[in-house]
Amino acid sequence: MTIISSWLSESGHSVSAVTGLNEVQSYYLVIVATAVLLAGLLFASLYVLGFWSSSLTSKGGRRRRDKKGTLVLLMGPCGGGKTALFSWWKGRSHPETVSSIRPNRDVVTLPTGRKVEVVDFPGHRRLKFESYELLRNCACICYILDSTDRAMVKEAAESLYDLFTNQLFLKHLPPMLLVMNKQDKPTSRTTRRVLGDLNKEIERLRTSRGQVLEGDDEVDNFLGVEGEAFDIIQHAPVKVDVVEYSAATVGKGTTEDADIVDTIADWVTATATIVP
């Protein structure tokens, strides 16, 4: 404090000699000028730190979530099993379903007792921009894949790439559960193989689209980490969990086993907002 007081006093004398103000006026002028300078330095430091932080997240880091919504979105290519899951949650039934052409939306009570609002959104590509609007109030996404359909992986990779680089998605950052559905089928593929194919397809898209976008502002949303092969678990902009599932057998059980645990409902219960 003594050093600071001495410096202020000396500075006040110097200002007084230059401006012709008396010592008291000069002393307070030095205090005000010093405070303004320190405030400016603090603001500049915070700005630089914020810019540095955002530049890190644009290269594969996870960003902080803007806010938590209330909708549970069921997404994924046509035929993955979204509507079957929606029907089970809504009525505890397994009706024959066909690919939806319009969203199904309702408040449902999960097997865990949690009441949530669910939107079963069609997987048609022409509707993807409508699905993005729901991200504004999205609590979480259940992205459902048919693990028996290898051809579906390419479509899913394009859908996930577009989603992960979408501005609304990056603003709201809803957590995601990748659901490997139809695991009861003998032709189902292992989670490891499906994830491996997804990673390869997204890597291919990242390379091809990155070349097109070079020099464009959109490159700021580069997916993953430059110089590293894409890994959806490590490099997606949100936390991605994975579960193996069979919508057709949930709740049926066998003589040897109790009813199959609805693992997706458990995950949603831990993530979504309760509907009054």
C-alpha atoms as a PDB file:
ATOM      1  CA  MET A   1       0.000   0.000   0.000  1.00  0.00           C
ATOM      2  CA  THR A   2       2.895   2.335   0.843  1.00  0.00           C
ATOM      3  CA  ILE A   3       4.454   1.755  -2.572  1.00  0.00           C
ATOM      4  CA  ILE A   4       1.114   2.406  -4.321  1.00  0.00           C
ATOM      5  CA  SER A   5       0.493   5.583  -2.301  1.00  0.00           C
ATOM      6  CA  SER A   6       3.980   6.797  -3.085  1.00  0.00           C
ATOM      7  CA  TRP A   7       3.517   6.104  -6.792  1.00  0.00           C
ATOM      8  CA  LEU A   8       0.146   7.889  -6.845  1.00  0.00           C
ATOM      9  CA  SER A   9       1.617  10.864  -5.012  1.00  0.00           C
ATOM     10  CA  GLU A  10       4.538  11.160  -7.427  1.00  0.00           C
ATOM     11  CA  SER A  11       2.233  10.765 -10.406  1.00  0.00           C
ATOM     12  CA  GLY A  12      -0.036  13.461  -8.943  1.00  0.00           C
ATOM     13  CA  HIS A  13       2.882  15.878  -8.666  1.00  0.00           C
ATOM     14  CA  SER A  14       3.837  15.202 -12.287  1.00  0.00           C
ATOM     15  CA  VAL A  15       0.283  15.722 -13.534  1.00  0.00           C
ATOM     16  CA  SER A  16      -0.001  18.910 -11.487  1.00  0.00           C
ATOM     17  CA  ALA A  17       3.154  20.282 -13.022  1.00  0.00           C
ATOM     18  CA  VAL A  18       1.925  19.542 -16.534  1.00  0.00           C
ATOM     19  CA  THR A  19      -1.768  20.523 -16.241  1.00  0.00           C
ATOM     20  CA  GLY A  20      -1.639  23.277 -13.664  1.00  0.00           C
ATOM     21  CA  LEU A  21      -4.200  21.492 -11.451  1.00  0.00           C
ATOM     22  CA  ASN A  22      -3.708  21.541  -7.696  1.00  0.00           C
ATOM     23  CA  GLU A  23      -2.279  18.433  -6.018  1.00  0.00           C
ATOM     24  CA  VAL A  24      -5.632  17.078  -4.767  1.00  0.00           C
ATOM     25  CA  GLN A  25      -7.217  17.350  -8.197  1.00  0.00           C
ATOM     26  CA  SER A  26      -4.176  15.781  -9.836  1.00  0.00           C
ATOM     27  CA  TYR A  27      -4.147  12.945  -7.287  1.00  0.00           C
ATOM     28  CA  TYR A  28      -7.780  11.990  -8.024  1.00  0.00           C
ATOM     29  CA  LEU A  29      -7.222  12.340 -11.755  1.00  0.00           C
ATOM     30  CA  VAL A  30      -4.399   9.794 -11.540  1.00  0.00           C
ATOM     31  CA  ILE A  31      -6.643   7.395  -9.540  1.00  0.00           C
ATOM     32  CA  VAL A  32      -9.453   7.620 -12.111  1.00  0.00           C
ATOM     33  CA  ALA A  33      -7.076   7.160 -15.059  1.00  0.00           C
ATOM     34  CA  THR A  34      -5.447   4.162 -13.376  1.00  0.00           C
ATOM     35  CA  ALA A  35      -8.845   2.551 -12.680  1.00  0.00           C
ATOM     36  CA  VAL A  36      -9.925   3.020 -16.308  1.00  0.00           C
ATOM     37  CA  LEU A  37      -6.653   1.513 -17.550  1.00  0.00           C
ATOM     38  CA  LEU A  38      -6.955  -1.530 -15.272  1.00  0.00           C
ATOM     39  CA  ALA A  39     -10.582  -2.063 -16.290  1.00  0.00           C
ATOM     40  CA  GLY A  40      -9.573  -1.957 -19.951  1.00  0.00           C
ATOM     41  CA  LEU A  41      -6.807  -4.487 -19.402  1.00  0.00           C
ATOM     42  CA  LEU A  42      -9.202  -6.796 -17.547  1.00  0.00           C
ATOM     43  CA  PHE A  43     -11.792  -6.596 -20.326  1.00  0.00           C
ATOM     44  CA  ALA A  44      -9.162  -7.284 -22.987  1.00  0.00           C
ATOM     45  CA  SER A  45      -7.863 -10.284 -21.049  1.00  0.00           C
ATOM     46  CA  LEU A  46     -11.353 -11.786 -20.680  1.00  0.00           C
ATOM     47  CA  TYR A  47     -12.054 -11.237 -24.365  1.00  0.00           C
ATOM     48  CA  VAL A  48      -8.835 -12.971 -25.409  1.00  0.00           C
ATOM     49  CA  LEU A  49      -9.501 -15.890 -23.044  1.00  0.00           C
ATOM     50  CA  GLY A  50     -13.047 -16.282 -24.382  1.00  0.00           C
ATOM     51  CA  PHE A  51     -11.841 -16.241 -27.983  1.00  0.00           C
ATOM     52  CA  TRP A  52      -9.122 -18.779 -27.184  1.00  0.00           C
ATOM     53  CA  SER A  53     -11.628 -21.052 -25.468  1.00  0.00           C
ATOM     54  CA  SER A  54     -14.083 -20.940 -28.375  1.00  0.00           C
ATOM     55  CA  SER A  55     -11.296 -21.656 -30.858  1.00  0.00           C
ATOM     56  CA  LEU A  56     -10.394 -24.773 -28.896  1.00  0.00           C
ATOM     57  CA  THR A  57     -13.955 -26.087 -28.948  1.00  0.00           C
ATOM     58  CA  SER A  58     -14.190 -25.601 -32.697  1.00  0.00           C
ATOM     59  CA  LYS A  59     -11.390 -28.163 -33.140  1.00  0.00           C
ATOM     60  CA  GLY A  60     -13.125 -31.095 -31.510  1.00  0.00           C
ATOM     61  CA  GLY A  61     -13.549 -30.044 -27.890  1.00  0.00           C
ATOM     62  CA  ARG A  62     -16.906 -30.220 -26.137  1.00  0.00           C
ATOM     63  CA  ARG A  63     -18.707 -26.923 -25.715  1.00  0.00           C
ATOM     64  CA  ARG A  64     -20.773 -25.784 -22.782  1.00  0.00           C
ATOM     65  CA  ARG A  65     -24.498 -26.311 -23.191  1.00  0.00           C
ATOM     66  CA  ASP A  66     -26.529 -23.141 -23.756  1.00  0.00           C
ATOM     67  CA  LYS A  67     -29.695 -24.302 -21.987  1.00  0.00           C
ATOM     68  CA  LYS A  68     -31.687 -27.435 -21.224  1.00  0.00           C
ATOM     69  CA  GLY A  69     -34.905 -28.042 -23.159  1.00  0.00           C
ATOM     70  CA  THR A  70     -37.865 -30.326 -22.514  1.00  0.00           C
ATOM     71  CA  LEU A  71     -38.397 -32.389 -25.684  1.00  0.00           C
ATOM     72  CA  VAL A  72     -37.116 -35.931 -26.164  1.00  0.00           C
ATOM     73  CA  LEU A  73     -36.395 -36.348 -29.891  1.00  0.00           C
ATOM     74  CA  LEU A  74     -36.455 -39.763 -31.554  1.00  0.00           C
ATOM     75  CA  MET A  75     -34.331 -39.409 -34.691  1.00  0.00           C
ATOM     76  CA  GLY A  76     -32.668 -41.638 -37.247  1.00  0.00           C
ATOM     77  CA  PRO A  77     -33.180 -43.071 -40.758  1.00  0.00           C
ATOM     78  CA  CYS A  78     -36.503 -44.522 -41.864  1.00  0.00           C
ATOM     79  CA  GLY A  79     -37.114 -48.057 -40.647  1.00  0.00           C
ATOM     80  CA  GLY A  80     -34.844 -47.856 -37.635  1.00  0.00           C
ATOM     81  CA  GLY A  81     -37.602 -48.412 -35.087  1.00  0.00           C
ATOM     82  CA  LYS A  82     -38.478 -44.907 -33.861  1.00  0.00           C
ATOM     83  CA  THR A  83     -42.247 -45.312 -34.150  1.00  0.00           C
ATOM     84  CA  ALA A  84     -42.156 -48.756 -32.511  1.00  0.00           C
ATOM     85  CA  LEU A  85     -40.388 -47.244 -29.508  1.00  0.00           C
ATOM     86  CA  PHE A  86     -42.796 -44.293 -29.422  1.00  0.00           C
ATOM     87  CA  SER A  87     -45.780 -46.688 -29.483  1.00  0.00           C
ATOM     88  CA  TRP A  88     -44.344 -48.750 -26.648  1.00  0.00           C
ATOM     89  CA  TRP A  89     -43.807 -45.703 -24.460  1.00  0.00           C
ATOM     90  CA  LYS A  90     -47.256 -44.331 -25.294  1.00  0.00           C
ATOM     91  CA  GLY A  91     -49.386 -47.441 -24.953  1.00  0.00           C
ATOM     92  CA  ARG A  92     -47.136 -50.316 -23.836  1.00  0.00           C
ATOM     93  CA  SER A  93     -47.994 -52.095 -27.068  1.00  0.00           C
ATOM     94  CA  HIS A  94     -46.157 -53.443 -30.116  1.00  0.00           C
ATOM     95  CA  PRO A  95     -48.380 -52.539 -33.075  1.00  0.00           C
ATOM     96  CA  GLU A  96     -47.297 -53.123 -36.658  1.00  0.00           C
ATOM     97  CA  THR A  97     -45.755 -49.851 -37.808  1.00  0.00           C
ATOM     98  CA  VAL A  98     -44.755 -48.244 -41.085  1.00  0.00           C
ATOM     99  CA  SER A  99     -42.370 -45.357 -41.696  1.00  0.00           C
ATOM    100  CA  SER A 100     -43.962 -42.118 -40.540  1.00  0.00           C
ATOM    101  CA  ILE A 101     -44.384 -39.173 -42.894  1.00  0.00           C
ATOM    102  CA  ARG A 102     -45.385 -36.764 -40.116  1.00  0.00           C
ATOM    103  CA  PRO A 103     -43.999 -36.311 -36.603  1.00  0.00           C
ATOM    104  CA  ASN A 104     -45.735 -38.129 -33.758  1.00  0.00           C
ATOM    105  CA  ARG A 105     -45.792 -35.975 -30.649  1.00  0.00           C
ATOM    106  CA  ASP A 106     -47.244 -36.668 -27.215  1.00  0.00           C
ATOM    107  CA  VAL A 107     -46.606 -36.549 -23.483  1.00  0.00           C
ATOM    108  CA  VAL A 108     -45.864 -40.095 -22.337  1.00  0.00           C
ATOM    109  CA  THR A 109     -45.133 -41.794 -19.042  1.00  0.00           C
ATOM    110  CA  LEU A 110     -41.966 -43.844 -19.303  1.00  0.00           C
ATOM    111  CA  PRO A 111     -41.675 -47.275 -17.653  1.00  0.00           C
ATOM    112  CA  THR A 112     -39.595 -45.527 -15.004  1.00  0.00           C
ATOM    113  CA  GLY A 113     -42.572 -43.328 -14.074  1.00  0.00           C
ATOM    114  CA  ARG A 114     -41.065 -40.178 -15.579  1.00  0.00           C
ATOM    115  CA  LYS A 115     -43.461 -38.098 -17.675  1.00  0.00           C
ATOM    116  CA  VAL A 116     -41.829 -36.498 -20.736  1.00  0.00           C
ATOM    117  CA  GLU A 117     -42.819 -34.968 -24.057  1.00  0.00           C
ATOM    118  CA  VAL A 118     -41.586 -37.117 -26.951  1.00  0.00           C
ATOM    119  CA  VAL A 119     -41.381 -36.323 -30.664  1.00  0.00           C
ATOM    120  CA  ASP A 120     -40.983 -39.239 -33.070  1.00  0.00           C
ATOM    121  CA  PHE A 121     -39.573 -37.445 -36.100  1.00  0.00           C
ATOM    122  CA  PRO A 122     -39.640 -39.070 -39.574  1.00  0.00           C
ATOM    123  CA  GLY A 123     -36.288 -40.000 -41.063  1.00  0.00           C
ATOM    124  CA  HIS A 124     -36.984 -38.556 -44.523  1.00  0.00           C
ATOM    125  CA  ARG A 125     -34.133 -36.292 -45.650  1.00  0.00           C
ATOM    126  CA  ARG A 126     -36.482 -33.645 -47.011  1.00  0.00           C
ATOM    127  CA  LEU A 127     -37.794 -33.071 -43.482  1.00  0.00           C
ATOM    128  CA  LYS A 128     -34.428 -32.653 -41.760  1.00  0.00           C
ATOM    129  CA  PHE A 129     -34.606 -28.855 -41.572  1.00  0.00           C
ATOM    130  CA  GLU A 130     -37.938 -29.103 -39.751  1.00  0.00           C
ATOM    131  CA  SER A 131     -36.318 -31.411 -37.213  1.00  0.00           C
ATOM    132  CA  TYR A 132     -33.561 -28.856 -36.600  1.00  0.00           C
ATOM    133  CA  GLU A 133     -36.129 -26.329 -35.384  1.00  0.00           C
ATOM    134  CA  LEU A 134     -37.015 -28.709 -32.541  1.00  0.00           C
ATOM    135  CA  LEU A 135     -33.428 -28.431 -31.274  1.00  0.00           C
ATOM    136  CA  ARG A 136     -34.362 -25.091 -29.706  1.00  0.00           C
ATOM    137  CA  ASN A 137     -36.255 -26.946 -26.967  1.00  0.00           C
ATOM    138  CA  CYS A 138     -34.526 -30.321 -27.025  1.00  0.00           C
ATOM    139  CA  ALA A 139     -33.552 -32.087 -23.790  1.00  0.00           C
ATOM    140  CA  CYS A 140     -31.929 -35.088 -25.465  1.00  0.00           C
ATOM    141  CA  ILE A 141     -31.837 -37.127 -28.672  1.00  0.00           C
ATOM    142  CA  CYS A 142     -32.336 -40.862 -29.052  1.00  0.00           C
ATOM    143  CA  TYR A 143     -30.828 -41.656 -32.453  1.00  0.00           C
ATOM    144  CA  ILE A 144     -32.113 -45.060 -33.536  1.00  0.00           C
ATOM    145  CA  LEU A 145     -30.447 -47.391 -36.026  1.00  0.00           C
ATOM    146  CA  ASP A 146     -31.424 -50.777 -37.432  1.00  0.00           C
ATOM    147  CA  SER A 147     -28.349 -52.854 -36.586  1.00  0.00           C
ATOM    148  CA  THR A 148     -29.286 -55.428 -39.247  1.00  0.00           C
ATOM    149  CA  ASP A 149     -29.200 -52.900 -42.106  1.00  0.00           C
ATOM    150  CA  ARG A 150     -25.662 -52.148 -43.234  1.00  0.00           C
ATOM    151  CA  ALA A 151     -26.850 -49.819 -46.009  1.00  0.00           C
ATOM    152  CA  MET A 152     -28.506 -47.599 -43.380  1.00  0.00           C
ATOM    153  CA  VAL A 153     -25.106 -46.637 -41.976  1.00  0.00           C
ATOM    154  CA  LYS A 154     -24.268 -44.343 -44.900  1.00  0.00           C
ATOM    155  CA  GLU A 155     -27.551 -42.446 -44.545  1.00  0.00           C
ATOM    156  CA  ALA A 156     -27.086 -42.240 -40.776  1.00  0.00           C
ATOM    157  CA  ALA A 157     -23.545 -40.906 -41.191  1.00  0.00           C
ATOM    158  CA  GLU A 158     -24.755 -38.083 -43.467  1.00  0.00           C
ATOM    159  CA  SER A 159     -27.566 -37.282 -41.050  1.00  0.00           C
ATOM    160  CA  LEU A 160     -25.237 -37.227 -38.025  1.00  0.00           C
ATOM    161  CA  TYR A 161     -22.613 -35.155 -39.833  1.00  0.00           C
ATOM    162  CA  ASP A 162     -25.215 -32.550 -40.777  1.00  0.00           C
ATOM    163  CA  LEU A 163     -26.567 -32.578 -37.217  1.00  0.00           C
ATOM    164  CA  PHE A 164     -23.166 -32.263 -35.512  1.00  0.00           C
ATOM    165  CA  THR A 165     -22.222 -29.246 -37.653  1.00  0.00           C
ATOM    166  CA  ASN A 166     -25.606 -27.512 -37.451  1.00  0.00           C
ATOM    167  CA  GLN A 167     -25.545 -24.114 -35.712  1.00  0.00           C
ATOM    168  CA  LEU A 168     -28.670 -24.784 -33.621  1.00  0.00           C
ATOM    169  CA  PHE A 169     -27.288 -28.128 -32.495  1.00  0.00           C
ATOM    170  CA  LEU A 170     -23.990 -26.505 -31.499  1.00  0.00           C
ATOM    171  CA  LYS A 171     -25.868 -23.799 -29.625  1.00  0.00           C
ATOM    172  CA  HIS A 172     -28.087 -26.113 -27.554  1.00  0.00           C
ATOM    173  CA  LEU A 173     -25.927 -29.285 -27.451  1.00  0.00           C
ATOM    174  CA  PRO A 174     -28.496 -31.940 -26.470  1.00  0.00           C
ATOM    175  CA  PRO A 175     -26.883 -35.176 -25.230  1.00  0.00           C
ATOM    176  CA  MET A 176     -27.338 -38.165 -27.525  1.00  0.00           C
ATOM    177  CA  LEU A 177     -28.025 -41.859 -27.113  1.00  0.00           C
ATOM    178  CA  LEU A 178     -27.145 -44.044 -30.116  1.00  0.00           C
ATOM    179  CA  VAL A 179     -29.583 -46.947 -30.089  1.00  0.00           C
ATOM    180  CA  MET A 180     -28.524 -50.142 -31.871  1.00  0.00           C
ATOM    181  CA  ASN A 181     -32.001 -51.551 -32.424  1.00  0.00           C
ATOM    182  CA  LYS A 182     -33.176 -55.053 -33.496  1.00  0.00           C
ATOM    183  CA  GLN A 183     -30.505 -56.845 -31.512  1.00  0.00           C
ATOM    184  CA  ASP A 184     -32.913 -59.796 -31.237  1.00  0.00           C
ATOM    185  CA  LYS A 185     -32.431 -60.561 -34.950  1.00  0.00           C
ATOM    186  CA  PRO A 186     -29.863 -63.192 -35.975  1.00  0.00           C
ATOM    187  CA  THR A 187     -28.625 -60.850 -38.729  1.00  0.00           C
ATOM    188  CA  SER A 188     -27.889 -57.972 -36.344  1.00  0.00           C
ATOM    189  CA  ARG A 189     -24.374 -56.566 -36.463  1.00  0.00           C
ATOM    190  CA  THR A 190     -22.275 -55.865 -33.371  1.00  0.00           C
ATOM    191  CA  THR A 191     -22.127 -52.370 -31.930  1.00  0.00           C
ATOM    192  CA  ARG A 192     -18.396 -52.274 -32.609  1.00  0.00           C
ATOM    193  CA  ARG A 193     -18.906 -52.945 -36.324  1.00  0.00           C
ATOM    194  CA  VAL A 194     -21.730 -50.419 -36.675  1.00  0.00           C
ATOM    195  CA  LEU A 195     -19.707 -47.726 -34.893  1.00  0.00           C
ATOM    196  CA  GLY A 196     -16.670 -48.536 -37.021  1.00  0.00           C
ATOM    197  CA  ASP A 197     -18.662 -48.098 -40.223  1.00  0.00           C
ATOM    198  CA  LEU A 198     -20.229 -44.873 -38.931  1.00  0.00           C
ATOM    199  CA  ASN A 199     -16.806 -43.453 -38.105  1.00  0.00           C
ATOM    200  CA  LYS A 200     -15.441 -44.320 -41.562  1.00  0.00           C
ATOM    201  CA  GLU A 201     -18.415 -42.739 -43.355  1.00  0.00           C
ATOM    202  CA  ILE A 202     -18.315 -39.557 -41.253  1.00  0.00           C
ATOM    203  CA  GLU A 203     -14.545 -39.327 -41.789  1.00  0.00           C
ATOM    204  CA  ARG A 204     -15.125 -39.577 -45.548  1.00  0.00           C
ATOM    205  CA  LEU A 205     -17.743 -36.813 -45.384  1.00  0.00           C
ATOM    206  CA  ARG A 206     -15.509 -34.670 -43.183  1.00  0.00           C
ATOM    207  CA  THR A 207     -12.688 -34.911 -45.723  1.00  0.00           C
ATOM    208  CA  SER A 208     -14.802 -34.251 -48.818  1.00  0.00           C
ATOM    209  CA  ARG A 209     -16.922 -31.469 -47.361  1.00  0.00           C
ATOM    210  CA  GLY A 210     -13.960 -29.897 -45.615  1.00  0.00           C
ATOM    211  CA  GLN A 211     -12.269 -29.392 -48.979  1.00  0.00           C
ATOM    212  CA  VAL A 212     -15.380 -27.705 -50.355  1.00  0.00           C
ATOM    213  CA  LEU A 213     -15.681 -25.435 -47.309  1.00  0.00           C
ATOM    214  CA  GLU A 214     -11.994 -24.479 -47.170  1.00  0.00           C
ATOM    215  CA  GLY A 215     -11.789 -20.721 -46.734  1.00  0.00           C
ATOM    216  CA  ASP A 216     -15.487 -20.525 -45.811  1.00  0.00           C
ATOM    217  CA  ASP A 217     -16.805 -19.409 -42.405  1.00  0.00           C
ATOM    218  CA  GLU A 218     -18.410 -22.840 -41.957  1.00  0.00           C
ATOM    219  CA  VAL A 219     -14.948 -24.337 -41.466  1.00  0.00           C
ATOM    220  CA  ASP A 220     -15.193 -22.981 -37.911  1.00  0.00           C
ATOM    221  CA  ASN A 221     -17.550 -25.903 -37.253  1.00  0.00           C
ATOM    222  CA  PHE A 222     -14.952 -28.485 -38.278  1.00  0.00           C
ATOM    223  CA  LEU A 223     -16.041 -31.797 -36.837  1.00  0.00           C
ATOM    224  CA  GLY A 224     -13.535 -33.651 -34.667  1.00  0.00           C
ATOM    225  CA  VAL A 225      -9.814 -32.966 -34.344  1.00  0.00           C
ATOM    226  CA  GLU A 226      -7.658 -32.097 -37.334  1.00  0.00           C
ATOM    227  CA  GLY A 227      -5.083 -34.771 -37.993  1.00  0.00           C
ATOM    228  CA  GLU A 228      -7.014 -37.502 -36.153  1.00  0.00           C
ATOM    229  CA  ALA A 229      -9.394 -40.076 -37.623  1.00  0.00           C
ATOM    230  CA  PHE A 230     -12.951 -39.340 -36.544  1.00  0.00           C
ATOM    231  CA  ASP A 231     -14.353 -41.242 -33.574  1.00  0.00           C
ATOM    232  CA  ILE A 232     -17.984 -40.472 -32.719  1.00  0.00           C
ATOM    233  CA  ILE A 233     -17.533 -41.295 -29.041  1.00  0.00           C
ATOM    234  CA  GLN A 234     -14.440 -39.114 -28.661  1.00  0.00           C
ATOM    235  CA  HIS A 235     -15.034 -36.333 -31.187  1.00  0.00           C
ATOM    236  CA  ALA A 236     -18.773 -35.637 -31.349  1.00  0.00           C
ATOM    237  CA  PRO A 237     -19.550 -32.140 -29.998  1.00  0.00           C
ATOM    238  CA  VAL A 238     -21.800 -33.705 -27.331  1.00  0.00           C
ATOM    239  CA  LYS A 239     -21.520 -36.719 -25.060  1.00  0.00           C
ATOM    240  CA  VAL A 240     -22.691 -39.777 -26.999  1.00  0.00           C
ATOM    241  CA  ASP A 241     -23.781 -42.918 -25.172  1.00  0.00           C
ATOM    242  CA  VAL A 242     -24.527 -46.228 -26.902  1.00  0.00           C
ATOM    243  CA  VAL A 243     -27.031 -48.954 -26.056  1.00  0.00           C
ATOM    244  CA  GLU A 244     -28.039 -52.246 -27.674  1.00  0.00           C
ATOM    245  CA  TYR A 245     -31.797 -52.647 -27.845  1.00  0.00           C
ATOM    246  CA  SER A 246     -34.748 -54.538 -29.232  1.00  0.00           C
ATOM    247  CA  ALA A 247     -37.951 -52.517 -29.422  1.00  0.00           C
ATOM    248  CA  ALA A 248     -39.921 -55.605 -30.470  1.00  0.00           C
ATOM    249  CA  THR A 249     -39.148 -57.585 -27.309  1.00  0.00           C
ATOM    250  CA  VAL A 250     -39.219 -54.905 -24.606  1.00  0.00           C
ATOM    251  CA  GLY A 251     -41.707 -55.806 -21.903  1.00  0.00           C
ATOM    252  CA  LYS A 252     -42.370 -59.346 -23.144  1.00  0.00           C
ATOM    253  CA  GLY A 253     -39.826 -61.273 -21.086  1.00  0.00           C
ATOM    254  CA  THR A 254     -39.262 -65.053 -21.162  1.00  0.00           C
ATOM    255  CA  THR A 255     -39.739 -67.962 -18.810  1.00  0.00           C
ATOM    256  CA  GLU A 256     -36.041 -67.835 -18.026  1.00  0.00           C
ATOM    257  CA  ASP A 257     -35.745 -64.118 -17.653  1.00  0.00           C
ATOM    258  CA  ALA A 258     -37.679 -61.186 -16.217  1.00  0.00           C
ATOM    259  CA  ASP A 259     -39.065 -58.466 -18.467  1.00  0.00           C
ATOM    260  CA  ILE A 260     -36.365 -56.765 -20.492  1.00  0.00           C
ATOM    261  CA  VAL A 261     -35.236 -53.554 -18.818  1.00  0.00           C
ATOM    262  CA  ASP A 262     -36.105 -50.487 -20.863  1.00  0.00           C
ATOM    263  CA  THR A 263     -32.599 -49.068 -20.912  1.00  0.00           C
ATOM    264  CA  ILE A 264     -33.512 -46.145 -23.157  1.00  0.00           C
ATOM    265  CA  ALA A 265     -36.171 -45.018 -20.681  1.00  0.00           C
ATOM    266  CA  ASP A 266     -33.575 -45.215 -17.901  1.00  0.00           C
ATOM    267  CA  TRP A 267     -31.237 -42.969 -19.893  1.00  0.00           C
ATOM    268  CA  VAL A 268     -33.980 -40.470 -20.769  1.00  0.00           C
ATOM    269  CA  THR A 269     -35.152 -40.391 -17.151  1.00  0.00           C
ATOM    270  CA  ALA A 270     -31.683 -39.339 -16.064  1.00  0.00           C
ATOM    271  CA  THR A 271     -31.501 -36.674 -18.784  1.00  0.00           C
ATOM    272  CA  ALA A 272     -34.884 -35.126 -19.662  1.00  0.00           C
ATOM    273  CA  THR A 273     -36.975 -32.516 -17.896  1.00  0.00           C
ATOM    274  CA  ILE A 274     -40.143 -33.617 -16.085  1.00  0.00           C
ATOM    275  CA  VAL A 275     -43.401 -32.504 -17.714  1.00  0.00           C
ATOM    276  CA  PRO A 276     -45.888 -31.161 -15.107  1.00  0.00           C
END
